[in-house]
Amino acid sequence: MRKYLMAGNWKMNLVPSEAKKFAEDLVKSIKDLDKDVEVMICPSFVCLPAVKEAIKGSIIKLGAQNMNENEKGAFTGEISADMLLDIGVEYVLLGHSERRHIYKETDQLINKKVKYALAKGLKPVLCIGELLEEREAGKTDEVNRRQLVEGLKDVSANDMANVVIAYEPVWAIGTGKVATPEIAEETQANCRKVLSDLYGQTIANNVTIQYGGSVTDTSVDGLMSQKNIDGALVGGASLKLDAFTRIAKFNKV
């Protein structure tokens, strides 16, 4: 049975002292969380050590926002898997739309990162999603299929137990627009069909597929009530304690 994974992507926000205080407050606010829900937060790299200390002994998992596909070397400004592991990171976001569209990361590069993360023992959260013009052109499923197939190329069936998929329609990220629960469900059901084509229905049924894109404390209940939505990747609302706590403690409609 799939657990819900409610994740906060803090992006380039909060300095270490602010992140530590927020994490400490979050630990207290979700201590009575439902056992079928996991919470993960992804601070900026410089905040990871402070946040790791703040969540020690709690149910909160630590994630990173990105990583390099190489072990080490002359890659100025990059972060390796070993650096993340040494801090205590468990998850890493890969292929986020901002990495794809601002920093021009390709499906092939993201695939290298996914495979390297798995090889090192990190759990990749593979982010996929279409642009507004792609949805309006009727290419939503085509885009998501390509990003899934290419992003998971040469990833074994056994490794899929440690992979999370995050569907984020790019047109809904940071815009205040949210795909209706029905739209999100239809798209994510199609994504699970792709996983079934690649790995078989049993494995596909066990993969966590999150929804991301302007998720709020008011929209979360409807989204989480859908059959193929197994959690949320939350941006702005994850920086608000009351809102993110409510998201983690969602109610099924």
Protein backbone atom coordinates (compact mmCIF):
# COMPACT_ATOMS: atom_id res chain seq x y z
CA MET A 1 0.00 0.00 0.00
CA ARG A 2 1.35 3.39 -1.02
CA LYS A 3 1.97 5.99 1.66
CA TYR A 4 1.30 9.67 1.09
CA LEU A 5 4.46 11.76 0.76
CA MET A 6 3.93 15.44 1.55
CA ALA A 7 7.09 17.33 0.58
CA GLY A 8 8.11 20.95 0.92
CA ASN A 9 10.45 22.44 -1.67
CA TRP A 10 11.79 25.58 -0.05
CA LYS A 11 13.68 26.63 -3.20
CA MET A 12 16.01 29.64 -2.67
CA ASN A 13 14.34 30.82 0.53
CA LEU A 14 15.31 31.02 4.22
CA VAL A 15 18.81 31.50 5.64
CA PRO A 16 20.11 28.70 7.92
CA SER A 17 18.91 30.28 11.17
CA GLU A 18 15.41 30.78 9.75
CA ALA A 19 15.33 27.27 8.30
CA LYS A 20 16.38 25.74 11.63
CA LYS A 21 13.64 27.59 13.51
CA PHE A 22 11.00 26.66 10.93
CA ALA A 23 12.03 22.99 11.04
CA GLU A 24 11.90 22.95 14.84
CA ASP A 25 8.39 24.40 14.76
CA LEU A 26 7.32 21.93 12.08
CA VAL A 27 8.50 18.98 14.17
CA LYS A 28 6.18 20.11 16.96
CA SER A 29 3.21 20.85 14.72
CA ILE A 30 3.09 17.45 12.96
CA LYS A 31 4.12 15.12 15.77
CA ASP A 32 0.67 13.48 15.76
CA LEU A 33 0.66 12.87 12.01
CA ASP A 34 -1.29 9.97 10.52
CA LYS A 35 0.92 6.87 10.13
CA ASP A 36 0.06 6.63 6.43
CA VAL A 37 1.63 10.03 5.73
CA GLU A 38 5.32 10.88 5.44
CA VAL A 39 6.69 14.42 5.43
CA MET A 40 9.87 15.51 3.67
CA ILE A 41 11.43 18.96 3.39
CA CYS A 42 14.00 20.18 0.88
CA PRO A 43 15.93 23.21 2.15
CA SER A 44 18.67 24.95 0.18
CA PHE A 45 22.09 23.32 0.36
CA VAL A 46 23.48 25.73 2.97
CA CYS A 47 20.51 25.04 5.25
CA LEU A 48 20.72 21.24 5.16
CA PRO A 49 23.02 20.76 8.20
CA ALA A 50 20.98 23.06 10.44
CA VAL A 51 17.70 21.49 9.37
CA LYS A 52 19.06 17.98 9.82
CA GLU A 53 19.92 18.86 13.44
CA ALA A 54 16.48 20.39 13.98
CA ILE A 55 14.57 17.31 12.75
CA LYS A 56 16.75 14.71 14.46
CA GLY A 57 14.60 12.01 16.04
CA SER A 58 11.43 13.24 14.33
CA ILE A 59 9.32 11.70 11.57
CA ILE A 60 10.45 14.33 9.03
CA LYS A 61 12.66 13.18 6.16
CA LEU A 62 15.40 15.37 4.66
CA GLY A 63 15.63 16.04 0.94
CA ALA A 64 17.89 18.09 -1.33
CA GLN A 65 16.80 20.19 -4.28
CA ASN A 66 19.33 18.90 -6.80
CA MET A 67 22.67 17.12 -7.19
CA ASN A 68 25.42 16.58 -9.74
CA GLU A 69 25.66 13.37 -11.75
CA ASN A 70 29.40 12.97 -11.08
CA GLU A 71 31.14 11.56 -8.02
CA LYS A 72 33.52 14.52 -7.58
CA GLY A 73 35.82 16.81 -9.53
CA ALA A 74 36.13 20.24 -11.09
CA PHE A 75 32.45 21.17 -11.08
CA THR A 76 32.35 24.60 -9.48
CA GLY A 77 29.15 25.33 -7.59
CA GLU A 78 27.87 21.74 -7.73
CA ILE A 79 26.90 19.29 -4.99
CA SER A 80 27.70 15.57 -5.00
CA ALA A 81 25.67 12.62 -3.76
CA ASP A 82 28.34 11.83 -1.16
CA MET A 83 28.09 15.37 0.23
CA LEU A 84 24.34 14.96 0.61
CA LEU A 85 24.63 11.52 2.18
CA ASP A 86 27.21 12.72 4.68
CA ILE A 87 24.76 15.37 5.93
CA GLY A 88 21.96 12.81 6.24
CA VAL A 89 19.90 13.52 3.13
CA GLU A 90 17.52 10.72 2.07
CA TYR A 91 15.66 12.18 -0.94
CA VAL A 92 16.75 14.39 -3.85
CA LEU A 93 14.55 16.31 -6.30
CA LEU A 94 15.65 15.78 -9.90
CA GLY A 95 14.26 17.28 -13.09
CA HIS A 96 12.25 20.03 -11.40
CA SER A 97 10.73 22.30 -14.03
CA GLU A 98 12.92 25.19 -12.91
CA ARG A 99 15.99 23.03 -13.55
CA ARG A 100 14.60 21.98 -16.92
CA HIS A 101 13.47 25.37 -18.18
CA ILE A 102 15.75 27.91 -16.46
CA TYR A 103 18.94 25.83 -16.43
CA LYS A 104 18.14 23.81 -19.57
CA GLU A 105 18.59 20.37 -18.04
CA THR A 106 17.73 17.68 -20.58
CA ASP A 107 15.97 14.35 -20.11
CA GLN A 108 19.31 12.65 -20.73
CA LEU A 109 21.10 14.61 -18.00
CA ILE A 110 18.24 14.04 -15.56
CA ASN A 111 18.40 10.31 -16.33
CA LYS A 112 22.09 10.27 -15.42
CA LYS A 113 21.27 11.97 -12.13
CA VAL A 114 18.45 9.54 -11.35
CA LYS A 115 20.65 6.50 -11.96
CA TYR A 116 23.54 7.96 -9.97
CA ALA A 117 21.30 8.88 -7.04
CA LEU A 118 19.98 5.31 -6.93
CA ALA A 119 23.48 3.86 -7.18
CA LYS A 120 24.53 5.94 -4.17
CA GLY A 121 21.47 5.04 -2.08
CA LEU A 122 19.51 8.27 -2.43
CA LYS A 123 15.81 8.26 -3.30
CA PRO A 124 15.19 10.39 -6.41
CA VAL A 125 11.99 12.35 -6.83
CA LEU A 126 11.71 12.57 -10.61
CA CYS A 127 9.74 15.68 -11.54
CA ILE A 128 7.79 15.76 -14.79
CA GLY A 129 5.19 18.07 -16.27
CA GLU A 130 4.01 19.96 -19.32
CA LEU A 131 4.09 23.64 -20.27
CA LEU A 132 0.84 25.54 -20.79
CA GLU A 133 1.32 25.61 -24.56
CA GLU A 134 1.91 21.84 -24.55
CA ARG A 135 -1.32 21.22 -22.65
CA GLU A 136 -3.26 23.54 -24.95
CA ALA A 137 -1.82 21.67 -27.95
CA GLY A 138 -3.06 18.37 -26.53
CA LYS A 139 0.47 17.11 -25.84
CA THR A 140 0.22 16.60 -22.07
CA ASP A 141 0.42 12.81 -22.11
CA GLU A 142 3.06 12.81 -24.85
CA VAL A 143 5.33 15.13 -22.84
CA ASN A 144 4.90 13.23 -19.60
CA ARG A 145 5.47 9.88 -21.30
CA ARG A 146 8.70 11.15 -22.84
CA GLN A 147 9.95 12.57 -19.56
CA LEU A 148 9.12 9.32 -17.74
CA VAL A 149 10.58 6.99 -20.37
CA GLU A 150 13.75 9.04 -20.82
CA GLY A 151 14.14 9.89 -17.14
CA LEU A 152 13.84 6.22 -16.11
CA LYS A 153 15.92 4.75 -18.94
CA ASP A 154 17.98 1.80 -17.64
CA VAL A 155 16.47 2.09 -14.15
CA SER A 156 15.77 -1.46 -12.99
CA ALA A 157 12.46 -2.79 -11.74
CA ASN A 158 14.04 -3.36 -8.32
CA ASP A 159 15.24 0.25 -8.15
CA MET A 160 11.71 1.54 -8.74
CA ALA A 161 10.95 0.77 -5.09
CA ASN A 162 13.08 3.82 -4.26
CA VAL A 163 11.79 6.19 -6.96
CA VAL A 164 9.09 8.83 -6.44
CA ILE A 165 7.41 10.60 -9.36
CA ALA A 166 6.22 14.19 -8.95
CA TYR A 167 3.79 15.42 -11.62
CA GLU A 168 3.93 19.21 -11.77
CA PRO A 169 2.10 20.97 -14.58
CA VAL A 170 4.47 23.86 -15.25
CA TRP A 171 1.57 26.25 -15.83
CA ALA A 172 0.46 25.71 -12.21
CA ILE A 173 3.81 26.27 -10.47
CA GLY A 174 3.92 29.54 -8.59
CA THR A 175 1.01 30.93 -10.60
CA GLY A 176 -1.81 30.33 -8.14
CA LYS A 177 -3.43 28.09 -10.75
CA VAL A 178 -4.09 24.54 -9.67
CA ALA A 179 -5.14 21.66 -11.86
CA THR A 180 -8.54 20.49 -10.73
CA PRO A 181 -8.48 17.20 -8.84
CA GLU A 182 -10.08 15.57 -11.86
CA ILE A 183 -7.47 16.93 -14.30
CA ALA A 184 -4.61 15.93 -12.00
CA GLU A 185 -6.11 12.47 -11.47
CA GLU A 186 -6.57 11.83 -15.18
CA THR A 187 -2.99 12.88 -15.95
CA GLN A 188 -1.49 10.90 -13.09
CA ALA A 189 -3.50 7.81 -14.00
CA ASN A 190 -1.96 8.07 -17.47
CA CYS A 191 1.48 8.40 -15.89
CA ARG A 192 0.86 5.23 -13.91
CA LYS A 193 -0.14 3.54 -17.18
CA VAL A 194 3.27 4.49 -18.59
CA LEU A 195 4.95 2.97 -15.54
CA SER A 196 2.87 -0.17 -16.07
CA ASP A 197 4.03 -0.36 -19.68
CA LEU A 198 7.64 -0.04 -18.52
CA TYR A 199 7.63 -2.23 -15.41
CA GLY A 200 4.32 -4.07 -15.14
CA GLN A 201 1.16 -3.26 -13.21
CA THR A 202 2.34 -4.50 -9.80
CA ILE A 203 5.36 -2.20 -9.71
CA ALA A 204 3.36 0.68 -11.17
CA ASN A 205 0.77 0.29 -8.44
CA ASN A 206 3.46 0.66 -5.77
CA VAL A 207 5.10 3.84 -7.10
CA THR A 208 4.27 7.05 -5.26
CA ILE A 209 3.12 9.78 -7.66
CA GLN A 210 2.86 13.22 -6.11
CA TYR A 211 1.04 16.24 -7.46
CA GLY A 212 2.75 19.62 -7.40
CA GLY A 213 1.78 23.09 -8.56
CA SER A 214 0.43 25.76 -6.22
CA VAL A 215 -0.90 23.20 -3.72
CA THR A 216 -2.47 25.00 -0.76
CA ASP A 217 -4.16 24.15 2.51
CA THR A 218 -7.51 24.72 0.78
CA SER A 219 -6.87 22.65 -2.36
CA VAL A 220 -5.09 19.69 -0.77
CA ASP A 221 -8.15 17.74 0.43
CA GLY A 222 -9.70 17.39 -3.02
CA LEU A 223 -6.40 16.45 -4.60
CA MET A 224 -5.55 13.78 -2.03
CA SER A 225 -8.95 12.18 -2.44
CA GLN A 226 -8.03 11.02 -5.94
CA LYS A 227 -6.98 7.42 -6.51
CA ASN A 228 -3.67 8.13 -8.26
CA ILE A 229 -2.47 11.13 -6.22
CA ASP A 230 -0.15 9.94 -3.47
CA GLY A 231 1.02 13.18 -1.93
CA ALA A 232 2.12 16.67 -2.83
CA LEU A 233 5.29 18.55 -3.74
CA VAL A 234 4.59 21.94 -2.22
CA GLY A 235 6.35 25.21 -2.99
CA GLY A 236 5.21 28.50 -1.47
CA ALA A 237 2.78 27.01 1.04
CA SER A 238 5.56 24.86 2.53
CA LEU A 239 7.15 28.07 3.86
CA LYS A 240 4.06 28.84 5.96
CA LEU A 241 3.89 26.72 9.10
CA ASP A 242 0.11 26.66 9.51
CA ALA A 243 -0.50 26.00 5.81
CA PHE A 244 2.06 23.22 5.48
CA THR A 245 0.90 21.59 8.71
CA ARG A 246 -2.66 21.58 7.36
CA ILE A 247 -1.42 20.11 4.08
CA ALA A 248 0.38 17.33 5.94
CA LYS A 249 -2.79 16.70 7.96
CA PHE A 250 -5.13 16.72 4.97
CA ASN A 251 -8.62 15.26 5.05
CA LYS A 252 -9.92 13.02 2.29
CA VAL A 253 -13.14 14.39 0.82
